[in-house]
PDB file of N, CA and C in Angstrom:
ATOM      1  N   GLN A   1     -29.456 407.381 104.386  1.00  0.00           N
ATOM      2  CA  GLN A   1     -29.619 407.387 102.944  1.00  0.00           C
ATOM      3  C   GLN A   1     -29.552 408.803 102.394  1.00  0.00           C
ATOM      4  N   VAL A   2     -30.298 409.709 103.010  1.00  0.00           N
ATOM      5  CA  VAL A   2     -30.331 411.093 102.580  1.00  0.00           C
ATOM      6  C   VAL A   2     -30.182 411.980 103.802  1.00  0.00           C
ATOM      7  N   GLN A   3     -29.325 412.952 103.683  1.00  0.00           N
ATOM      8  CA  GLN A   3     -29.136 413.919 104.746  1.00  0.00           C
ATOM      9  C   GLN A   3     -29.217 415.325 104.178  1.00  0.00           C
ATOM     10  N   LEU A   4     -29.961 416.170 104.859  1.00  0.00           N
ATOM     11  CA  LEU A   4     -30.111 417.560 104.475  1.00  0.00           C
ATOM     12  C   LEU A   4     -29.693 418.425 105.645  1.00  0.00           C
ATOM     13  N   VAL A   5     -28.846 419.387 105.376  1.00  0.00           N
ATOM     14  CA  VAL A   5     -28.341 420.267 106.412  1.00  0.00           C
ATOM     15  C   VAL A   5     -28.561 421.707 105.995  1.00  0.00           C
ATOM     16  N   GLU A   6     -29.371 422.413 106.774  1.00  0.00           N
ATOM     17  CA  GLU A   6     -29.651 423.816 106.497  1.00  0.00           C
ATOM     18  C   GLU A   6     -28.691 424.712 107.254  1.00  0.00           C
ATOM     19  N   SER A   7     -28.496 425.892 106.717  1.00  0.00           N
ATOM     20  CA  SER A   7     -27.687 426.896 107.388  1.00  0.00           C
ATOM     21  C   SER A   7     -28.133 428.272 106.918  1.00  0.00           C
ATOM     22  N   GLY A   8     -27.737 429.283 107.649  1.00  0.00           N
ATOM     23  CA  GLY A   8     -27.981 430.650 107.234  1.00  0.00           C
ATOM     24  C   GLY A   8     -29.064 431.385 107.985  1.00  0.00           C
ATOM     25  N   GLY A   9     -29.777 430.698 108.863  1.00  0.00           N
ATOM     26  CA  GLY A   9     -30.804 431.370 109.626  1.00  0.00           C
ATOM     27  C   GLY A   9     -30.207 432.333 110.630  1.00  0.00           C
ATOM     28  N   GLY A  10     -31.058 433.187 111.158  1.00  0.00           N
ATOM     29  CA  GLY A  10     -30.599 434.155 112.132  1.00  0.00           C
ATOM     30  C   GLY A  10     -31.635 435.211 112.407  1.00  0.00           C
ATOM     31  N   LEU A  11     -31.184 436.277 113.028  1.00  0.00           N
ATOM     32  CA  LEU A  11     -32.030 437.395 113.407  1.00  0.00           C
ATOM     33  C   LEU A  11     -31.704 438.597 112.541  1.00  0.00           C
ATOM     34  N   VAL A  12     -32.724 439.163 111.923  1.00  0.00           N
ATOM     35  CA  VAL A  12     -32.558 440.364 111.107  1.00  0.00           C
ATOM     36  C   VAL A  12     -33.696 441.323 111.392  1.00  0.00           C
ATOM     37  N   GLN A  13     -33.470 442.580 111.073  1.00  0.00           N
ATOM     38  CA  GLN A  13     -34.521 443.578 111.166  1.00  0.00           C
ATOM     39  C   GLN A  13     -35.407 443.530 109.934  1.00  0.00           C
ATOM     40  N   ALA A  14     -36.634 443.960 110.100  1.00  0.00           N
ATOM     41  CA  ALA A  14     -37.539 444.043 108.965  1.00  0.00           C
ATOM     42  C   ALA A  14     -36.901 444.862 107.852  1.00  0.00           C
ATOM     43  N   GLY A  15     -37.038 444.361 106.630  1.00  0.00           N
ATOM     44  CA  GLY A  15     -36.417 444.999 105.490  1.00  0.00           C
ATOM     45  C   GLY A  15     -35.056 444.448 105.141  1.00  0.00           C
ATOM     46  N   GLY A  16     -34.494 443.646 106.024  1.00  0.00           N
ATOM     47  CA  GLY A  16     -33.191 443.068 105.794  1.00  0.00           C
ATOM     48  C   GLY A  16     -33.258 441.808 104.963  1.00  0.00           C
ATOM     49  N   SER A  17     -32.105 441.162 104.838  1.00  0.00           N
ATOM     50  CA  SER A  17     -31.982 439.986 103.987  1.00  0.00           C
ATOM     51  C   SER A  17     -31.260 438.863 104.702  1.00  0.00           C
ATOM     52  N   LEU A  18     -31.581 437.657 104.299  1.00  0.00           N
ATOM     53  CA  LEU A  18     -30.885 436.460 104.728  1.00  0.00           C
ATOM     54  C   LEU A  18     -30.784 435.519 103.542  1.00  0.00           C
ATOM     55  N   ARG A  19     -29.774 434.688 103.569  1.00  0.00           N
ATOM     56  CA  ARG A  19     -29.602 433.668 102.543  1.00  0.00           C
ATOM     57  C   ARG A  19     -29.470 432.317 103.221  1.00  0.00           C
ATOM     58  N   LEU A  20     -30.437 431.461 102.980  1.00  0.00           N
ATOM     59  CA  LEU A  20     -30.415 430.116 103.518  1.00  0.00           C
ATOM     60  C   LEU A  20     -29.797 429.159 102.515  1.00  0.00           C
ATOM     61  N   SER A  21     -29.117 428.158 103.031  1.00  0.00           N
ATOM     62  CA  SER A  21     -28.538 427.125 102.188  1.00  0.00           C
ATOM     63  C   SER A  21     -28.910 425.763 102.727  1.00  0.00           C
ATOM     64  N   CYS A  22     -29.015 424.809 101.824  1.00  0.00           N
ATOM     65  CA  CYS A  22     -29.307 423.434 102.187  1.00  0.00           C
ATOM     66  C   CYS A  22     -28.409 422.525 101.377  1.00  0.00           C
ATOM     67  N   ALA A  23     -27.579 421.777 102.063  1.00  0.00           N
ATOM     68  CA  ALA A  23     -26.670 420.837 101.423  1.00  0.00           C
ATOM     69  C   ALA A  23     -27.213 419.424 101.573  1.00  0.00           C
ATOM     70  N   ALA A  24     -27.329 418.727 100.463  1.00  0.00           N
ATOM     71  CA  ALA A  24     -27.861 417.374 100.451  1.00  0.00           C
ATOM     72  C   ALA A  24     -26.759 416.369 100.174  1.00  0.00           C
ATOM     73  N   SER A  25     -26.870 415.221 100.810  1.00  0.00           N
ATOM     74  CA  SER A  25     -25.921 414.147 100.580  1.00  0.00           C
ATOM     75  C   SER A  25     -26.634 412.811 100.701  1.00  0.00           C
ATOM     76  N   GLY A  26     -26.023 411.783 100.129  1.00  0.00           N
ATOM     77  CA  GLY A  26     -26.616 410.465 100.173  1.00  0.00           C
ATOM     78  C   GLY A  26     -27.061 409.999  98.797  1.00  0.00           C
ATOM     79  N   ASN A  27     -28.070 409.148  98.791  1.00  0.00           N
ATOM     80  CA  ASN A  27     -28.570 408.573  97.552  1.00  0.00           C
ATOM     81  C   ASN A  27     -29.565 409.512  96.891  1.00  0.00           C
ATOM     82  N   ILE A  28     -29.025 410.507  96.242  1.00  0.00           N
ATOM     83  CA  ILE A  28     -29.846 411.513  95.589  1.00  0.00           C
ATOM     84  C   ILE A  28     -29.319 411.775  94.191  1.00  0.00           C
ATOM     85  N   PHE A  29     -30.148 412.457  93.418  1.00  0.00           N
ATOM     86  CA  PHE A  29     -29.775 412.910  92.093  1.00  0.00           C
ATOM     87  C   PHE A  29     -30.009 414.405  92.000  1.00  0.00           C
ATOM     88  N   SER A  30     -29.291 415.023  91.108  1.00  0.00           N
ATOM     89  CA  SER A  30     -29.438 416.460  90.937  1.00  0.00           C
ATOM     90  C   SER A  30     -30.814 416.856  90.424  1.00  0.00           C
ATOM     91  N   THR A  31     -31.549 415.889  89.889  1.00  0.00           N
ATOM     92  CA  THR A  31     -32.885 416.171  89.370  1.00  0.00           C
ATOM     93  C   THR A  31     -33.987 416.011  90.406  1.00  0.00           C
ATOM     94  N   ASP A  32     -33.646 415.549  91.589  1.00  0.00           N
ATOM     95  CA  ASP A  32     -34.665 415.392  92.625  1.00  0.00           C
ATOM     96  C   ASP A  32     -35.234 416.752  93.010  1.00  0.00           C
ATOM     97  N   PRO A  33     -36.555 416.861  93.063  1.00  0.00           N
ATOM     98  CA  PRO A  33     -37.144 418.132  93.491  1.00  0.00           C
ATOM     99  C   PRO A  33     -36.710 418.493  94.906  1.00  0.00           C
ATOM    100  N   MET A  34     -36.446 419.753  95.097  1.00  0.00           N
ATOM    101  CA  MET A  34     -36.053 420.249  96.402  1.00  0.00           C
ATOM    102  C   MET A  34     -36.719 421.590  96.654  1.00  0.00           C
ATOM    103  N   GLY A  35     -36.750 421.973  97.910  1.00  0.00           N
ATOM    104  CA  GLY A  35     -37.337 423.261  98.220  1.00  0.00           C
ATOM    105  C   GLY A  35     -37.346 423.544  99.704  1.00  0.00           C
ATOM    106  N   TRP A  36     -38.169 424.511 100.061  1.00  0.00           N
ATOM    107  CA  TRP A  36     -38.243 424.994 101.428  1.00  0.00           C
ATOM    108  C   TRP A  36     -39.678 425.104 101.898  1.00  0.00           C
ATOM    109  N   TYR A  37     -39.936 424.585 103.064  1.00  0.00           N
ATOM    110  CA  TYR A  37     -41.150 424.839 103.814  1.00  0.00           C
ATOM    111  C   TYR A  37     -40.803 425.706 105.017  1.00  0.00           C
ATOM    112  N   ARG A  38     -41.822 426.318 105.569  1.00  0.00           N
ATOM    113  CA  ARG A  38     -41.633 427.027 106.815  1.00  0.00           C
ATOM    114  C   ARG A  38     -42.848 426.815 107.701  1.00  0.00           C
ATOM    115  N   GLN A  39     -42.618 426.938 108.988  1.00  0.00           N
ATOM    116  CA  GLN A  39     -43.700 426.815 109.944  1.00  0.00           C
ATOM    117  C   GLN A  39     -43.494 427.821 111.061  1.00  0.00           C
ATOM    118  N   ALA A  40     -44.479 428.656 111.241  1.00  0.00           N
ATOM    119  CA  ALA A  40     -44.467 429.668 112.280  1.00  0.00           C
ATOM    120  C   ALA A  40     -45.452 429.278 113.370  1.00  0.00           C
ATOM    121  N   PRO A  41     -45.260 429.794 114.571  1.00  0.00           N
ATOM    122  CA  PRO A  41     -46.190 429.478 115.664  1.00  0.00           C
ATOM    123  C   PRO A  41     -47.628 429.806 115.294  1.00  0.00           C
ATOM    124  N   GLY A  42     -48.516 428.862 115.520  1.00  0.00           N
ATOM    125  CA  GLY A  42     -49.917 429.068 115.241  1.00  0.00           C
ATOM    126  C   GLY A  42     -50.315 428.959 113.787  1.00  0.00           C
ATOM    127  N   LYS A  43     -49.381 428.604 112.934  1.00  0.00           N
ATOM    128  CA  LYS A  43     -49.667 428.505 111.517  1.00  0.00           C
ATOM    129  C   LYS A  43     -49.384 427.104 110.997  1.00  0.00           C
ATOM    130  N   GLN A  44     -50.067 426.781 109.916  1.00  0.00           N
ATOM    131  CA  GLN A  44     -49.819 425.528 109.236  1.00  0.00           C
ATOM    132  C   GLN A  44     -48.495 425.605 108.483  1.00  0.00           C
ATOM    133  N   ARG A  45     -47.853 424.476 108.359  1.00  0.00           N
ATOM    134  CA  ARG A  45     -46.649 424.433 107.549  1.00  0.00           C
ATOM    135  C   ARG A  45     -47.000 424.819 106.121  1.00  0.00           C
ATOM    136  N   GLU A  46     -46.208 425.675 105.520  1.00  0.00           N
ATOM    137  CA  GLU A  46     -46.490 426.126 104.177  1.00  0.00           C
ATOM    138  C   GLU A  46     -45.259 425.987 103.289  1.00  0.00           C
ATOM    139  N   LEU A  47     -45.524 425.697 102.044  1.00  0.00           N
ATOM    140  CA  LEU A  47     -44.460 425.628 101.057  1.00  0.00           C
ATOM    141  C   LEU A  47     -44.056 427.038 100.666  1.00  0.00           C
ATOM    142  N   VAL A  48     -42.782 427.331 100.822  1.00  0.00           N
ATOM    143  CA  VAL A  48     -42.269 428.657 100.511  1.00  0.00           C
ATOM    144  C   VAL A  48     -41.798 428.729  99.068  1.00  0.00           C
ATOM    145  N   ALA A  49     -40.974 427.780  98.684  1.00  0.00           N
ATOM    146  CA  ALA A  49     -40.398 427.787  97.342  1.00  0.00           C
ATOM    147  C   ALA A  49     -39.915 426.395  96.997  1.00  0.00           C
ATOM    148  N   SER A  50     -39.919 426.086  95.714  1.00  0.00           N
ATOM    149  CA  SER A  50     -39.458 424.792  95.248  1.00  0.00           C
ATOM    150  C   SER A  50     -38.794 424.936  93.895  1.00  0.00           C
ATOM    151  N   VAL A  51     -37.953 423.977  93.588  1.00  0.00           N
ATOM    152  CA  VAL A  51     -37.310 423.929  92.284  1.00  0.00           C
ATOM    153  C   VAL A  51     -37.290 422.482  91.826  1.00  0.00           C
ATOM    154  N   THR A  52     -37.609 422.267  90.555  1.00  0.00           N
ATOM    155  CA  THR A  52     -37.701 420.933  89.995  1.00  0.00           C
ATOM    156  C   THR A  52     -36.699 420.764  88.873  1.00  0.00           C
ATOM    157  N   GLN A  53     -36.720 419.563  88.274  1.00  0.00           N
ATOM    158  CA  GLN A  53     -35.879 419.308  87.115  1.00  0.00           C
ATOM    159  C   GLN A  53     -36.158 420.350  86.044  1.00  0.00           C
ATOM    160  N   GLY A  54     -35.106 420.864  85.473  1.00  0.00           N
ATOM    161  CA  GLY A  54     -35.250 421.901  84.480  1.00  0.00           C
ATOM    162  C   GLY A  54     -35.287 423.298  85.053  1.00  0.00           C
ATOM    163  N   GLY A  55     -35.208 423.396  86.371  1.00  0.00           N
ATOM    164  CA  GLY A  55     -35.157 424.699  86.996  1.00  0.00           C
ATOM    165  C   GLY A  55     -36.496 425.384  87.162  1.00  0.00           C
ATOM    166  N   ILE A  56     -37.579 424.632  87.069  1.00  0.00           N
ATOM    167  CA  ILE A  56     -38.899 425.215  87.273  1.00  0.00           C
ATOM    168  C   ILE A  56     -39.076 425.559  88.743  1.00  0.00           C
ATOM    169  N   THR A  57     -39.451 426.779  89.002  1.00  0.00           N
ATOM    170  CA  THR A  57     -39.596 427.243  90.377  1.00  0.00           C
ATOM    171  C   THR A  57     -41.030 427.641  90.671  1.00  0.00           C
ATOM    172  N   ASN A  58     -41.381 427.529  91.940  1.00  0.00           N
ATOM    173  CA  ASN A  58     -42.676 427.969  92.429  1.00  0.00           C
ATOM    174  C   ASN A  58     -42.480 428.667  93.759  1.00  0.00           C
ATOM    175  N   TYR A  59     -43.323 429.653  94.006  1.00  0.00           N
ATOM    176  CA  TYR A  59     -43.232 430.432  95.230  1.00  0.00           C
ATOM    177  C   TYR A  59     -44.606 430.624  95.836  1.00  0.00           C
ATOM    178  N   ALA A  60     -44.623 430.677  97.147  1.00  0.00           N
ATOM    179  CA  ALA A  60     -45.840 431.082  97.821  1.00  0.00           C
ATOM    180  C   ALA A  60     -46.150 432.528  97.462  1.00  0.00           C
ATOM    181  N   ASP A  61     -47.434 432.842  97.360  1.00  0.00           N
ATOM    182  CA  ASP A  61     -47.815 434.203  97.007  1.00  0.00           C
ATOM    183  C   ASP A  61     -47.222 435.231  97.970  1.00  0.00           C
ATOM    184  N   SER A  62     -47.093 434.851  99.216  1.00  0.00           N
ATOM    185  CA  SER A  62     -46.629 435.784 100.224  1.00  0.00           C
ATOM    186  C   SER A  62     -45.161 436.172 100.071  1.00  0.00           C
ATOM    187  N   VAL A  63     -44.401 435.411  99.296  1.00  0.00           N
ATOM    188  CA  VAL A  63     -42.975 435.702  99.155  1.00  0.00           C
ATOM    189  C   VAL A  63     -42.572 436.049  97.737  1.00  0.00           C
ATOM    190  N   LYS A  64     -43.489 436.003  96.810  1.00  0.00           N
ATOM    191  CA  LYS A  64     -43.165 436.311  95.426  1.00  0.00           C
ATOM    192  C   LYS A  64     -42.597 437.719  95.302  1.00  0.00           C
ATOM    193  N   GLY A  65     -41.527 437.813  94.539  1.00  0.00           N
ATOM    194  CA  GLY A  65     -40.869 439.094  94.352  1.00  0.00           C
ATOM    195  C   GLY A  65     -39.852 439.425  95.414  1.00  0.00           C
ATOM    196  N   ARG A  66     -39.833 438.672  96.504  1.00  0.00           N
ATOM    197  CA  ARG A  66     -38.900 438.925  97.589  1.00  0.00           C
ATOM    198  C   ARG A  66     -37.911 437.784  97.795  1.00  0.00           C
ATOM    199  N   PHE A  67     -38.355 436.558  97.580  1.00  0.00           N
ATOM    200  CA  PHE A  67     -37.511 435.387  97.775  1.00  0.00           C
ATOM    201  C   PHE A  67     -37.126 434.801  96.431  1.00  0.00           C
ATOM    202  N   THR A  68     -35.943 434.233  96.372  1.00  0.00           N
ATOM    203  CA  THR A  68     -35.469 433.564  95.175  1.00  0.00           C
ATOM    204  C   THR A  68     -34.812 432.248  95.555  1.00  0.00           C
ATOM    205  N   ILE A  69     -35.271 431.169  94.939  1.00  0.00           N
ATOM    206  CA  ILE A  69     -34.661 429.873  95.163  1.00  0.00           C
ATOM    207  C   ILE A  69     -33.739 429.552  93.998  1.00  0.00           C
ATOM    208  N   SER A  70     -32.612 428.966  94.303  1.00  0.00           N
ATOM    209  CA  SER A  70     -31.658 428.576  93.281  1.00  0.00           C
ATOM    210  C   SER A  70     -31.072 427.217  93.623  1.00  0.00           C
ATOM    211  N   ARG A  71     -30.514 426.574  92.611  1.00  0.00           N
ATOM    212  CA  ARG A  71     -30.025 425.217  92.780  1.00  0.00           C
ATOM    213  C   ARG A  71     -28.662 425.063  92.145  1.00  0.00           C
ATOM    214  N   ASP A  72     -27.787 424.437  92.887  1.00  0.00           N
ATOM    215  CA  ASP A  72     -26.472 424.075  92.384  1.00  0.00           C
ATOM    216  C   ASP A  72     -26.458 422.562  92.268  1.00  0.00           C
ATOM    217  N   ASN A  73     -26.714 422.059  91.062  1.00  0.00           N
ATOM    218  CA  ASN A  73     -26.842 420.618  90.868  1.00  0.00           C
ATOM    219  C   ASN A  73     -25.545 419.871  91.171  1.00  0.00           C
ATOM    220  N   ALA A  74     -24.437 420.440  90.768  1.00  0.00           N
ATOM    221  CA  ALA A  74     -23.161 419.782  90.986  1.00  0.00           C
ATOM    222  C   ALA A  74     -22.845 419.623  92.463  1.00  0.00           C
ATOM    223  N   MET A  75     -23.278 420.573  93.259  1.00  0.00           N
ATOM    224  CA  MET A  75     -22.987 420.559  94.684  1.00  0.00           C
ATOM    225  C   MET A  75     -24.145 420.016  95.520  1.00  0.00           C
ATOM    226  N   TYR A  76     -25.267 419.674  94.865  1.00  0.00           N
ATOM    227  CA  TYR A  76     -26.456 419.198  95.564  1.00  0.00           C
ATOM    228  C   TYR A  76     -26.853 420.161  96.673  1.00  0.00           C
ATOM    229  N   THR A  77     -26.913 421.396  96.302  1.00  0.00           N
ATOM    230  CA  THR A  77     -27.222 422.457  97.234  1.00  0.00           C
ATOM    231  C   THR A  77     -28.298 423.361  96.659  1.00  0.00           C
ATOM    232  N   ILE A  78     -29.207 423.771  97.512  1.00  0.00           N
ATOM    233  CA  ILE A  78     -30.162 424.795  97.129  1.00  0.00           C
ATOM    234  C   ILE A  78     -30.031 425.967  98.085  1.00  0.00           C
ATOM    235  N   ASN A  79     -30.385 427.123  97.580  1.00  0.00           N
ATOM    236  CA  ASN A  79     -30.315 428.341  98.366  1.00  0.00           C
ATOM    237  C   ASN A  79     -31.648 429.061  98.318  1.00  0.00           C
ATOM    238  N   LEU A  80     -31.892 429.823  99.335  1.00  0.00           N
ATOM    239  CA  LEU A  80     -33.070 430.675  99.373  1.00  0.00           C
ATOM    240  C   LEU A  80     -32.626 432.065  99.775  1.00  0.00           C
ATOM    241  N   GLN A  81     -32.610 432.958  98.803  1.00  0.00           N
ATOM    242  CA  GLN A  81     -32.292 434.350  99.067  1.00  0.00           C
ATOM    243  C   GLN A  81     -33.568 435.060  99.480  1.00  0.00           C
ATOM    244  N   MET A  82     -33.558 435.624 100.661  1.00  0.00           N
ATOM    245  CA  MET A  82     -34.735 436.269 101.214  1.00  0.00           C
ATOM    246  C   MET A  82     -34.436 437.748 101.402  1.00  0.00           C
ATOM    247  N   ASN A  83     -35.139 438.561 100.660  1.00  0.00           N
ATOM    248  CA  ASN A  83     -34.979 440.009 100.731  1.00  0.00           C
ATOM    249  C   ASN A  83     -36.253 440.651 101.249  1.00  0.00           C
ATOM    250  N   SER A  84     -36.114 441.878 101.686  1.00  0.00           N
ATOM    251  CA  SER A  84     -37.257 442.647 102.189  1.00  0.00           C
ATOM    252  C   SER A  84     -38.054 441.843 103.207  1.00  0.00           C
ATOM    253  N   LEU A  85     -37.353 441.288 104.148  1.00  0.00           N
ATOM    254  CA  LEU A  85     -37.985 440.411 105.124  1.00  0.00           C
ATOM    255  C   LEU A  85     -38.990 441.160 105.985  1.00  0.00           C
ATOM    256  N   LYS A  86     -40.062 440.475 106.293  1.00  0.00           N
ATOM    257  CA  LYS A  86     -41.131 441.002 107.121  1.00  0.00           C
ATOM    258  C   LYS A  86     -41.240 440.179 108.393  1.00  0.00           C
ATOM    259  N   PRO A  87     -41.789 440.755 109.449  1.00  0.00           N
ATOM    260  CA  PRO A  87     -41.999 439.961 110.660  1.00  0.00           C
ATOM    261  C   PRO A  87     -42.805 438.696 110.404  1.00  0.00           C
ATOM    262  N   GLU A  88     -43.699 438.736 109.442  1.00  0.00           N
ATOM    263  CA  GLU A  88     -44.502 437.569 109.109  1.00  0.00           C
ATOM    264  C   GLU A  88     -43.684 436.430 108.519  1.00  0.00           C
ATOM    265  N   ASP A  89     -42.463 436.716 108.093  1.00  0.00           N
ATOM    266  CA  ASP A  89     -41.592 435.681 107.550  1.00  0.00           C
ATOM    267  C   ASP A  89     -40.897 434.873 108.628  1.00  0.00           C
ATOM    268  N   ALA A  90     -40.973 435.316 109.856  1.00  0.00           N
ATOM    269  CA  ALA A  90     -40.320 434.603 110.947  1.00  0.00           C
ATOM    270  C   ALA A  90     -40.904 433.199 111.077  1.00  0.00           C
ATOM    271  N   ALA A  91     -40.042 432.217 111.091  1.00  0.00           N
ATOM    272  CA  ALA A  91     -40.473 430.829 111.149  1.00  0.00           C
ATOM    273  C   ALA A  91     -39.246 429.939 111.195  1.00  0.00           C
ATOM    274  N   VAL A  92     -39.492 428.668 111.412  1.00  0.00           N
ATOM    275  CA  VAL A  92     -38.461 427.674 111.187  1.00  0.00           C
ATOM    276  C   VAL A  92     -38.575 427.235 109.739  1.00  0.00           C
ATOM    277  N   TYR A  93     -37.485 427.327 109.029  1.00  0.00           N
ATOM    278  CA  TYR A  93     -37.458 426.965 107.619  1.00  0.00           C
ATOM    279  C   TYR A  93     -36.832 425.589 107.459  1.00  0.00           C
ATOM    280  N   TYR A  94     -37.536 424.723 106.745  1.00  0.00           N
ATOM    281  CA  TYR A  94     -37.112 423.353 106.555  1.00  0.00           C
ATOM    282  C   TYR A  94     -36.815 423.084 105.091  1.00  0.00           C
ATOM    283  N   CYS A  95     -35.666 422.564 104.843  1.00  0.00           N
ATOM    284  CA  CYS A  95     -35.315 422.100 103.512  1.00  0.00           C
ATOM    285  C   CYS A  95     -35.891 420.707 103.295  1.00  0.00           C
ATOM    286  N   TYR A  96     -36.323 420.433 102.077  1.00  0.00           N
ATOM    287  CA  TYR A  96     -36.814 419.095 101.771  1.00  0.00           C
ATOM    288  C   TYR A  96     -36.287 418.622 100.425  1.00  0.00           C
ATOM    289  N   LEU A  97     -36.306 417.318 100.273  1.00  0.00           N
ATOM    290  CA  LEU A  97     -35.960 416.658  99.020  1.00  0.00           C
ATOM    291  C   LEU A  97     -36.932 415.504  98.821  1.00  0.00           C
ATOM    292  N   ARG A  98     -37.397 415.342  97.594  1.00  0.00           N
ATOM    293  CA  ARG A  98     -38.340 414.262  97.297  1.00  0.00           C
ATOM    294  C   ARG A  98     -37.714 413.260  96.340  1.00  0.00           C
ATOM    295  N   ARG A  99     -37.763 412.002  96.739  1.00  0.00           N
ATOM    296  CA  ARG A  99     -37.220 410.932  95.928  1.00  0.00           C
ATOM    297  C   ARG A  99     -38.036 409.673  96.164  1.00  0.00           C
ATOM    298  N   ASN A 100     -38.428 409.021  95.064  1.00  0.00           N
ATOM    299  CA  ASN A 100     -39.222 407.797  95.133  1.00  0.00           C
ATOM    300  C   ASN A 100     -40.459 407.987  96.005  1.00  0.00           C
ATOM    301  N   SER A 101     -41.128 409.095  95.796  1.00  0.00           N
ATOM    302  CA  SER A 101     -42.368 409.421  96.493  1.00  0.00           C
ATOM    303  C   SER A 101     -42.188 409.569  97.997  1.00  0.00           C
ATOM    304  N   ARG A 102     -40.973 409.800  98.422  1.00  0.00           N
ATOM    305  CA  ARG A 102     -40.696 410.006  99.840  1.00  0.00           C
ATOM    306  C   ARG A 102     -40.064 411.370 100.037  1.00  0.00           C
ATOM    307  N   THR A 103     -40.444 412.011 101.099  1.00  0.00           N
ATOM    308  CA  THR A 103     -39.924 413.325 101.405  1.00  0.00           C
ATOM    309  C   THR A 103     -38.921 413.243 102.546  1.00  0.00           C
ATOM    310  N   TYR A 104     -37.767 413.817 102.316  1.00  0.00           N
ATOM    311  CA  TYR A 104     -36.725 413.885 103.333  1.00  0.00           C
ATOM    312  C   TYR A 104     -36.609 415.323 103.813  1.00  0.00           C
ATOM    313  N   TRP A 105     -36.377 415.478 105.092  1.00  0.00           N
ATOM    314  CA  TRP A 105     -36.378 416.789 105.715  1.00  0.00           C
ATOM    315  C   TRP A 105     -35.074 417.094 106.413  1.00  0.00           C
ATOM    316  N   GLY A 106     -34.702 418.354 106.363  1.00  0.00           N
ATOM    317  CA  GLY A 106     -33.654 418.829 107.227  1.00  0.00           C
ATOM    318  C   GLY A 106     -34.204 419.108 108.612  1.00  0.00           C
ATOM    319  N   ARG A 107     -33.340 419.465 109.515  1.00  0.00           N
ATOM    320  CA  ARG A 107     -33.753 419.719 110.889  1.00  0.00           C
ATOM    321  C   ARG A 107     -34.330 421.109 111.087  1.00  0.00           C
ATOM    322  N   GLY A 108     -34.145 421.967 110.134  1.00  0.00           N
ATOM    323  CA  GLY A 108     -34.705 423.302 110.195  1.00  0.00           C
ATOM    324  C   GLY A 108     -33.703 424.340 110.650  1.00  0.00           C
ATOM    325  N   THR A 109     -33.933 425.566 110.228  1.00  0.00           N
ATOM    326  CA  THR A 109     -33.131 426.693 110.667  1.00  0.00           C
ATOM    327  C   THR A 109     -34.069 427.847 110.996  1.00  0.00           C
ATOM    328  N   GLN A 110     -33.819 428.491 112.110  1.00  0.00           N
ATOM    329  CA  GLN A 110     -34.707 429.535 112.609  1.00  0.00           C
ATOM    330  C   GLN A 110     -34.418 430.863 111.930  1.00  0.00           C
ATOM    331  N   VAL A 111     -35.475 431.483 111.465  1.00  0.00           N
ATOM    332  CA  VAL A 111     -35.400 432.839 110.934  1.00  0.00           C
ATOM    333  C   VAL A 111     -36.266 433.729 111.808  1.00  0.00           C
ATOM    334  N   THR A 112     -35.658 434.752 112.378  1.00  0.00           N
ATOM    335  CA  THR A 112     -36.364 435.696 113.221  1.00  0.00           C
ATOM    336  C   THR A 112     -36.242 437.088 112.620  1.00  0.00           C
ATOM    337  N   VAL A 113     -37.355 437.777 112.521  1.00  0.00           N
ATOM    338  CA  VAL A 113     -37.383 439.110 111.930  1.00  0.00           C
ATOM    339  C   VAL A 113     -37.976 440.066 112.950  1.00  0.00           C
ATOM    340  N   SER A 114     -37.214 441.060 113.331  1.00  0.00           N
ATOM    341  CA  SER A 114     -37.672 442.041 114.301  1.00  0.00           C
ATOM    342  C   SER A 114     -38.324 443.215 113.587  1.00  0.00           C
ATOM    343  N   SER A 115     -39.360 443.759 114.195  1.00  0.00           N
ATOM    344  CA  SER A 115     -40.075 444.873 113.607  1.00  0.00           C
ATOM    345  C   SER A 115     -39.490 446.198 114.028  1.00  0.00           C
TER     346      SER A 115
END
């Protein structure tokens, strides 16, 4: 019904940048809320950024000013531009989409930041 495919993860040095993308397909609408979670070893899964209908965005305090989420409604794609990366940002990043009170997940993409 819904498929989410992330891309763009990789290994970067602290202070570098990465751009993650998530392409959605299936029974979705451009107004469905979408965003990114991440989970690092020993940590709880946390919401990194989200975008809703009308382009309302939210960010975790730890990434404010460094990460930017954007949405391409026509392409059913969201992006996460990550700048000034820190070792603490290393995690598996998961794209999500919410529809009819159900959350759909991508398989995740690994982000590694070397100090």
